[in-house]
Amino acid sequence: MQVSSQDSDQECPDRRSVIVAGDEGSARLDRVLAVRLPDLSRSRLKALILDGRVQVGTAPIRDPAYHVGHGDTITIDLPEAAPAEPQAEAIALDIVYEDDDIIVIDKPAGLVVHPAAGHESGTLVNALIAHCGASLSGIGGVRRPGIVHRLDKDTSGLMVVAKNDLAHRSLTAQFADHGRTGAMQRGYLAFAWGVPNRPHGTISAPIDRHPHAREKMAVREGGREAITHWEISETFNGRDGKGVASLLALRLETGRTHQIRVHLAHTGHPLLGDAVYGPHFKTKAVHLGPQAQAALGALARQALHAYLLVIQHPRTGEILHWESILPKDLLTLQRALEAAL
């Protein structure tokens, strides 16, 4: 295998070529490139292929599944990167608290926190730049100004954002500590399939990137430490009178990507509505009453809400405590589950 990079014209300043060695593990064009060009994400490579910027020999190939052969030369033209700085956008925010140092918002489901591939605009960061103005500039990096923690796109609930360097340093330290020595707490409410066999417990299982699905995380030996504490708040019976789901209150001791979703799925109690980590539990919906089936069908997201946030104010040292009630879609689901029949 050979990989080379050279300057081209202004439109494509970076041109790379790869000679297929045949030991890449797959003959698919996108997978060969993913092996040979690990610095480029699979989503970026797919976009380049679909955009006609990848050639096999002299022919542009727009099919990521195209099969290449041993000895084929693949040429990739990388266009000049677009400006990385997010732009201000007038997006309404549900502001719970704000002063000169921090802003706490109740994030709705569906709102992406910071720009990324496929979500370059319409994010919480775009809204914060518009709301806070120049005060966020440079805090925490251009793409994530002021962000010290995040919620998944389809998770609702409380988030705190730093408005200056002092707040950013303090909050970053508090979230890194995860309340082990300080006052910081993060609490979540989760509607999960089934009912755990005890009233409370702790899940301690390391999390790492899934070995085959890049967009997923998984419990894996050798992964990063991940600890989730949980307790049952409410249980729900199905049409047969047996426990079919439960409402869990959870507290995080670590902050891994998708931690709650991965841990609950690992224990056999994935979140209701979680299409990534709980797809095999869809058949359990037949045990729900008609109201609950309708509420779950309308949910269109994982049933997870960040209801509790406790921090120490970065400047005053005061312990601040906020709670957020369940949003309308999850409240509708709760009432429908309680109705049972």
Foldseek 3Di string as FASTA:
>chain_A
DDWDWQQDDQFQGIKIKDAAAPPQVFQFQLSSCCSVPVVDDSVRSLVQLCVQQKDWPPHGHNDRRDGDDHGIMMMGGDGDDDDQAAAADQDDWAWPDDDQWKTKTWFAAQAAAWDDVVPRDRHVVNPCCNVLPPQQPPDPDRGHGQALAGDHNGATGMGMGTRHNLNSVQSNVCQQQQCPPDDKWWKKKFKWWFDDPDFWDKQWFAKDQDPPDRVDIERDPPHHTWMKIKGFDAFFFFPVRDTTITIMMMITRHHDVCRVQRRCLVVVIHFQLDCPSPVVCPVSLVRFDPQLNVLSVPSNHGGMYGFWTWDQRSPPRDIDIGGDDRDPSNVSNVVRRNVND
